[in-house]
Amino acid sequence: MPIWTQGLSSFNIDTILKHANEIPEIADSIVENLVECTSFESLTERYNISRIDLIQIDTEGYDYEIVKTLKLDNFKPSIINYENKHISMKKQHELISYLSSYGYKMYCNGHDTLAYLGCMNSL
């Protein structure tokens, strides 16, 4: 199997299986592990974080769910960047509406979406 597959992981097995056309034996190589998860809000409380400048999200198919859990009333990072590759068009539009409602402007570049506050010149 290609070396890049060693780092491939997702909360959603279907996202991994989408690579079967490139790697026919991928289903036989999947290993399921339970991982401890925590919310963004829990992390900020635990470590007494009062300001966030950048959030980078690349969770191979779970980006929509992660973005939707962000409590943007409490924190408004200047930049939120997430991978849109595995998000349906309907959910992409939902995220754009959600983030826009908090004042974010959006820039889509290939498989990534950049949500930012202010103007691009200041980034």
N, C-alpha and C. Protein backbone atom coordinates (compact mmCIF):
# COMPACT_ATOMS: atom_id res chain seq x y z
N MET A 1 0.85 -1.19 0.00
CA MET A 1 0.00 0.00 0.00
C MET A 1 0.89 1.24 0.00
N PRO A 2 0.40 2.32 -0.61
CA PRO A 2 1.19 3.56 -0.64
C PRO A 2 1.49 4.07 0.78
N ILE A 3 2.63 4.69 0.94
CA ILE A 3 3.07 5.17 2.25
C ILE A 3 2.08 6.17 2.86
N TRP A 4 1.41 6.98 2.03
CA TRP A 4 0.50 8.00 2.55
C TRP A 4 -0.69 7.39 3.28
N THR A 5 -0.99 6.13 3.01
CA THR A 5 -2.13 5.50 3.68
C THR A 5 -1.86 5.21 5.15
N GLN A 6 -0.60 5.19 5.55
CA GLN A 6 -0.27 4.91 6.95
C GLN A 6 -0.78 6.00 7.89
N GLY A 7 -0.97 7.19 7.38
CA GLY A 7 -1.47 8.29 8.20
C GLY A 7 -2.94 8.58 7.99
N LEU A 8 -3.61 7.76 7.21
CA LEU A 8 -5.01 7.99 6.88
C LEU A 8 -5.89 7.52 8.04
N SER A 9 -6.74 8.42 8.51
CA SER A 9 -7.65 8.06 9.59
C SER A 9 -8.90 8.93 9.50
N SER A 10 -9.96 8.45 10.11
CA SER A 10 -11.21 9.19 10.10
C SER A 10 -12.12 8.65 11.19
N PHE A 11 -13.06 9.49 11.61
CA PHE A 11 -14.11 9.03 12.52
C PHE A 11 -15.18 8.28 11.74
N ASN A 12 -15.11 8.34 10.43
CA ASN A 12 -16.13 7.75 9.57
C ASN A 12 -15.47 6.75 8.62
N ILE A 13 -15.76 5.48 8.79
CA ILE A 13 -15.14 4.44 7.97
C ILE A 13 -15.45 4.61 6.49
N ASP A 14 -16.62 5.14 6.16
CA ASP A 14 -16.97 5.34 4.75
C ASP A 14 -16.02 6.30 4.06
N THR A 15 -15.50 7.26 4.79
CA THR A 15 -14.53 8.20 4.22
C THR A 15 -13.26 7.46 3.81
N ILE A 16 -12.83 6.54 4.63
CA ILE A 16 -11.64 5.74 4.32
C ILE A 16 -11.92 4.83 3.11
N LEU A 17 -13.09 4.23 3.11
CA LEU A 17 -13.43 3.30 2.02
C LEU A 17 -13.57 3.99 0.67
N LYS A 18 -13.73 5.30 0.65
CA LYS A 18 -13.79 6.03 -0.62
C LYS A 18 -12.48 5.92 -1.39
N HIS A 19 -11.42 5.52 -0.72
CA HIS A 19 -10.12 5.35 -1.38
C HIS A 19 -9.96 3.97 -2.02
N ALA A 20 -11.00 3.15 -1.97
CA ALA A 20 -10.91 1.77 -2.48
C ALA A 20 -10.62 1.72 -3.97
N ASN A 21 -11.05 2.73 -4.72
CA ASN A 21 -10.76 2.70 -6.16
C ASN A 21 -9.26 2.88 -6.42
N GLU A 22 -8.56 3.58 -5.52
CA GLU A 22 -7.11 3.76 -5.64
C GLU A 22 -6.36 2.60 -4.98
N ILE A 23 -6.95 2.08 -3.89
CA ILE A 23 -6.29 1.04 -3.09
C ILE A 23 -7.32 -0.06 -2.82
N PRO A 24 -7.44 -1.01 -3.72
CA PRO A 24 -8.48 -2.04 -3.59
C PRO A 24 -8.44 -2.82 -2.27
N GLU A 25 -7.27 -3.00 -1.68
CA GLU A 25 -7.15 -3.80 -0.46
C GLU A 25 -7.32 -2.98 0.82
N ILE A 26 -7.76 -1.75 0.71
CA ILE A 26 -7.82 -0.87 1.88
C ILE A 26 -8.76 -1.39 2.97
N ALA A 27 -9.87 -2.00 2.59
CA ALA A 27 -10.82 -2.50 3.60
C ALA A 27 -10.18 -3.53 4.52
N ASP A 28 -9.28 -4.34 3.97
CA ASP A 28 -8.61 -5.37 4.77
C ASP A 28 -7.56 -4.79 5.71
N SER A 29 -7.19 -3.54 5.49
CA SER A 29 -6.12 -2.92 6.28
C SER A 29 -6.64 -1.97 7.35
N ILE A 30 -7.93 -1.81 7.43
CA ILE A 30 -8.50 -0.86 8.39
C ILE A 30 -8.39 -1.43 9.81
N VAL A 31 -7.90 -0.59 10.69
CA VAL A 31 -7.80 -0.92 12.11
C VAL A 31 -8.67 0.08 12.86
N GLU A 32 -9.55 -0.42 13.68
CA GLU A 32 -10.43 0.46 14.44
C GLU A 32 -9.87 0.64 15.85
N ASN A 33 -9.74 1.90 16.25
CA ASN A 33 -9.25 2.24 17.59
C ASN A 33 -10.21 3.20 18.25
N LEU A 34 -10.43 3.00 19.52
CA LEU A 34 -11.20 3.97 20.29
C LEU A 34 -10.25 5.06 20.74
N VAL A 35 -10.66 6.30 20.57
CA VAL A 35 -9.84 7.42 20.99
C VAL A 35 -10.65 8.32 21.91
N GLU A 36 -9.97 8.87 22.89
CA GLU A 36 -10.63 9.80 23.79
C GLU A 36 -10.79 11.13 23.07
N CYS A 37 -11.96 11.68 23.16
CA CYS A 37 -12.23 12.97 22.51
C CYS A 37 -12.65 13.98 23.56
N THR A 38 -12.45 15.22 23.23
CA THR A 38 -12.89 16.30 24.11
C THR A 38 -13.40 17.43 23.23
N SER A 39 -14.25 18.22 23.77
CA SER A 39 -14.79 19.34 22.99
C SER A 39 -13.83 20.52 23.02
N PHE A 40 -13.98 21.37 22.05
CA PHE A 40 -13.19 22.59 21.98
C PHE A 40 -13.42 23.42 23.24
N GLU A 41 -14.67 23.50 23.65
CA GLU A 41 -15.03 24.27 24.84
C GLU A 41 -14.35 23.70 26.09
N SER A 42 -14.31 22.38 26.22
CA SER A 42 -13.64 21.76 27.36
C SER A 42 -12.15 22.08 27.38
N LEU A 43 -11.53 22.06 26.22
CA LEU A 43 -10.10 22.39 26.14
C LEU A 43 -9.82 23.82 26.58
N THR A 44 -10.65 24.74 26.09
CA THR A 44 -10.42 26.15 26.45
C THR A 44 -10.64 26.38 27.93
N GLU A 45 -11.60 25.68 28.52
CA GLU A 45 -11.83 25.81 29.96
C GLU A 45 -10.70 25.18 30.76
N ARG A 46 -10.30 23.98 30.37
CA ARG A 46 -9.26 23.25 31.11
C ARG A 46 -7.95 24.03 31.15
N TYR A 47 -7.60 24.66 30.03
CA TYR A 47 -6.31 25.36 29.95
C TYR A 47 -6.45 26.88 30.07
N ASN A 48 -7.64 27.32 30.47
CA ASN A 48 -7.89 28.74 30.72
C ASN A 48 -7.49 29.61 29.52
N ILE A 49 -7.94 29.20 28.35
CA ILE A 49 -7.62 29.93 27.11
C ILE A 49 -8.68 31.00 26.90
N SER A 50 -8.24 32.22 26.70
CA SER A 50 -9.19 33.31 26.53
C SER A 50 -9.20 33.87 25.11
N ARG A 51 -8.23 33.47 24.29
CA ARG A 51 -8.17 33.99 22.92
C ARG A 51 -7.64 32.90 21.99
N ILE A 52 -8.26 32.81 20.84
CA ILE A 52 -7.84 31.87 19.80
C ILE A 52 -7.70 32.66 18.50
N ASP A 53 -6.56 32.54 17.84
CA ASP A 53 -6.36 33.23 16.57
C ASP A 53 -6.71 32.35 15.37
N LEU A 54 -6.36 31.07 15.45
CA LEU A 54 -6.52 30.17 14.31
C LEU A 54 -6.99 28.80 14.76
N ILE A 55 -7.97 28.29 14.07
CA ILE A 55 -8.38 26.89 14.25
C ILE A 55 -8.22 26.21 12.90
N GLN A 56 -7.45 25.12 12.88
CA GLN A 56 -7.23 24.32 11.68
C GLN A 56 -7.92 22.97 11.89
N ILE A 57 -8.84 22.63 10.99
CA ILE A 57 -9.60 21.38 11.12
C ILE A 57 -9.40 20.55 9.86
N ASP A 58 -8.94 19.33 10.04
CA ASP A 58 -8.80 18.38 8.94
C ASP A 58 -9.03 17.00 9.53
N THR A 59 -10.28 16.59 9.57
CA THR A 59 -10.64 15.35 10.26
C THR A 59 -11.20 14.29 9.32
N GLU A 60 -10.83 14.38 8.05
CA GLU A 60 -11.22 13.36 7.06
C GLU A 60 -12.69 12.96 7.16
N GLY A 61 -13.55 13.92 6.88
CA GLY A 61 -14.97 13.61 6.80
C GLY A 61 -15.78 14.01 8.02
N TYR A 62 -15.15 14.54 9.05
CA TYR A 62 -15.88 14.93 10.25
C TYR A 62 -15.78 16.44 10.49
N ASP A 63 -15.28 17.16 9.51
CA ASP A 63 -15.05 18.60 9.66
C ASP A 63 -16.35 19.36 9.92
N TYR A 64 -17.41 18.98 9.22
CA TYR A 64 -18.71 19.65 9.40
C TYR A 64 -19.13 19.59 10.87
N GLU A 65 -19.08 18.40 11.44
CA GLU A 65 -19.50 18.21 12.82
C GLU A 65 -18.63 19.01 13.80
N ILE A 66 -17.34 19.05 13.54
CA ILE A 66 -16.43 19.79 14.42
C ILE A 66 -16.73 21.29 14.35
N VAL A 67 -16.87 21.83 13.15
CA VAL A 67 -17.16 23.26 13.02
C VAL A 67 -18.47 23.60 13.73
N LYS A 68 -19.47 22.76 13.57
CA LYS A 68 -20.78 23.04 14.18
C LYS A 68 -20.74 22.99 15.71
N THR A 69 -19.74 22.34 16.29
CA THR A 69 -19.65 22.30 17.76
C THR A 69 -18.95 23.53 18.33
N LEU A 70 -18.32 24.33 17.48
CA LEU A 70 -17.62 25.51 17.98
C LEU A 70 -18.63 26.51 18.54
N LYS A 71 -18.43 26.92 19.76
CA LYS A 71 -19.31 27.90 20.40
C LYS A 71 -18.77 29.29 20.08
N LEU A 72 -19.17 29.81 18.94
CA LEU A 72 -18.61 31.06 18.45
C LEU A 72 -19.15 32.28 19.19
N ASP A 73 -20.10 32.08 20.08
CA ASP A 73 -20.52 33.19 20.95
C ASP A 73 -19.44 33.44 22.00
N ASN A 74 -18.72 32.39 22.38
CA ASN A 74 -17.67 32.50 23.41
C ASN A 74 -16.32 32.89 22.81
N PHE A 75 -15.98 32.29 21.69
CA PHE A 75 -14.70 32.52 21.02
C PHE A 75 -14.95 32.81 19.56
N LYS A 76 -14.28 33.80 19.06
CA LYS A 76 -14.33 34.07 17.62
C LYS A 76 -12.90 34.15 17.12
N PRO A 77 -12.34 33.00 16.76
CA PRO A 77 -10.99 33.04 16.21
C PRO A 77 -10.96 33.87 14.93
N SER A 78 -9.84 34.51 14.67
CA SER A 78 -9.71 35.32 13.46
C SER A 78 -9.84 34.46 12.21
N ILE A 79 -9.35 33.23 12.29
CA ILE A 79 -9.35 32.34 11.13
C ILE A 79 -9.79 30.94 11.54
N ILE A 80 -10.69 30.37 10.75
CA ILE A 80 -11.05 28.95 10.87
C ILE A 80 -10.83 28.36 9.49
N ASN A 81 -9.97 27.37 9.41
CA ASN A 81 -9.71 26.71 8.13
C ASN A 81 -10.10 25.24 8.28
N TYR A 82 -10.91 24.75 7.34
CA TYR A 82 -11.33 23.35 7.42
C TYR A 82 -11.35 22.73 6.03
N GLU A 83 -11.19 21.42 6.01
CA GLU A 83 -11.22 20.68 4.76
C GLU A 83 -12.67 20.45 4.35
N ASN A 84 -13.01 20.78 3.12
CA ASN A 84 -14.38 20.60 2.65
C ASN A 84 -14.54 19.40 1.72
N LYS A 85 -13.46 18.70 1.45
CA LYS A 85 -13.44 17.62 0.46
C LYS A 85 -14.51 16.56 0.71
N HIS A 86 -14.75 16.22 1.96
CA HIS A 86 -15.67 15.13 2.28
C HIS A 86 -17.02 15.64 2.79
N ILE A 87 -17.31 16.91 2.56
CA ILE A 87 -18.57 17.50 3.03
C ILE A 87 -19.50 17.69 1.82
N SER A 88 -20.74 17.25 1.96
CA SER A 88 -21.70 17.41 0.86
C SER A 88 -21.92 18.89 0.58
N MET A 89 -22.38 19.19 -0.62
CA MET A 89 -22.64 20.59 -0.98
C MET A 89 -23.67 21.21 -0.05
N LYS A 90 -24.68 20.44 0.32
CA LYS A 90 -25.71 20.95 1.23
C LYS A 90 -25.09 21.37 2.56
N LYS A 91 -24.25 20.51 3.11
CA LYS A 91 -23.61 20.82 4.39
C LYS A 91 -22.58 21.94 4.24
N GLN A 92 -21.92 22.02 3.08
CA GLN A 92 -20.99 23.13 2.86
C GLN A 92 -21.74 24.46 2.91
N HIS A 93 -22.91 24.50 2.28
CA HIS A 93 -23.72 25.72 2.30
C HIS A 93 -24.20 26.03 3.72
N GLU A 94 -24.53 24.99 4.48
CA GLU A 94 -24.93 25.20 5.88
C GLU A 94 -23.79 25.81 6.69
N LEU A 95 -22.57 25.31 6.49
CA LEU A 95 -21.42 25.86 7.21
C LEU A 95 -21.16 27.30 6.81
N ILE A 96 -21.27 27.60 5.54
CA ILE A 96 -21.06 28.97 5.08
C ILE A 96 -22.09 29.90 5.73
N SER A 97 -23.35 29.48 5.77
CA SER A 97 -24.39 30.29 6.42
C SER A 97 -24.12 30.43 7.91
N TYR A 98 -23.75 29.33 8.54
CA TYR A 98 -23.48 29.34 9.98
C TYR A 98 -22.34 30.30 10.31
N LEU A 99 -21.23 30.16 9.61
CA LEU A 99 -20.07 31.01 9.90
C LEU A 99 -20.33 32.47 9.49
N SER A 100 -21.04 32.67 8.40
CA SER A 100 -21.37 34.03 7.96
C SER A 100 -22.24 34.74 8.99
N SER A 101 -23.09 33.99 9.68
CA SER A 101 -23.96 34.60 10.69
C SER A 101 -23.16 35.15 11.87
N TYR A 102 -21.91 34.72 12.01
CA TYR A 102 -21.01 35.23 13.05
C TYR A 102 -20.04 36.27 12.49
N GLY A 103 -20.27 36.70 11.26
CA GLY A 103 -19.44 37.75 10.68
C GLY A 103 -18.25 37.27 9.88
N TYR A 104 -18.14 35.97 9.66
CA TYR A 104 -17.01 35.44 8.90
C TYR A 104 -17.23 35.62 7.41
N LYS A 105 -16.16 35.94 6.71
CA LYS A 105 -16.14 35.94 5.26
C LYS A 105 -15.51 34.62 4.85
N MET A 106 -15.87 34.14 3.68
CA MET A 106 -15.45 32.81 3.28
C MET A 106 -14.59 32.86 2.01
N TYR A 107 -13.60 31.98 1.98
CA TYR A 107 -12.76 31.82 0.80
C TYR A 107 -12.54 30.32 0.61
N CYS A 108 -13.00 29.79 -0.52
CA CYS A 108 -12.82 28.38 -0.82
C CYS A 108 -11.65 28.22 -1.78
N ASN A 109 -10.76 27.30 -1.45
CA ASN A 109 -9.58 27.06 -2.26
C ASN A 109 -9.37 25.56 -2.36
N GLY A 110 -9.80 24.98 -3.45
CA GLY A 110 -9.65 23.54 -3.62
C GLY A 110 -10.45 22.78 -2.58
N HIS A 111 -9.75 22.00 -1.77
CA HIS A 111 -10.41 21.17 -0.76
C HIS A 111 -10.50 21.84 0.60
N ASP A 112 -10.14 23.10 0.69
CA ASP A 112 -10.18 23.82 1.96
C ASP A 112 -11.10 25.03 1.88
N THR A 113 -11.69 25.35 3.01
CA THR A 113 -12.48 26.57 3.15
C THR A 113 -11.87 27.37 4.28
N LEU A 114 -11.62 28.63 4.00
CA LEU A 114 -11.06 29.56 4.98
C LEU A 114 -12.16 30.53 5.39
N ALA A 115 -12.46 30.56 6.67
CA ALA A 115 -13.41 31.53 7.22
C ALA A 115 -12.57 32.53 8.00
N TYR A 116 -12.78 33.82 7.73
CA TYR A 116 -11.94 34.82 8.38
C TYR A 116 -12.76 36.05 8.76
N LEU A 117 -12.30 36.70 9.80
CA LEU A 117 -12.88 37.96 10.24
C LEU A 117 -11.99 39.09 9.73
N GLY A 118 -12.56 40.20 9.37
CA GLY A 118 -11.76 41.32 8.87
C GLY A 118 -11.51 41.16 7.39
N CYS A 119 -10.47 41.82 6.91
CA CYS A 119 -10.17 41.74 5.49
C CYS A 119 -8.95 40.86 5.26
N MET A 120 -8.85 40.30 4.07
CA MET A 120 -7.75 39.40 3.74
C MET A 120 -6.40 40.11 3.83
N ASN A 121 -6.36 41.41 3.57
CA ASN A 121 -5.08 42.13 3.61
C ASN A 121 -4.46 42.12 4.99
N SER A 122 -5.29 41.97 6.03
CA SER A 122 -4.75 42.00 7.39
C SER A 122 -4.31 40.63 7.86
N LEU A 123 -4.50 39.60 7.06
CA LEU A 123 -4.11 38.25 7.48
C LEU A 123 -2.66 37.98 7.18
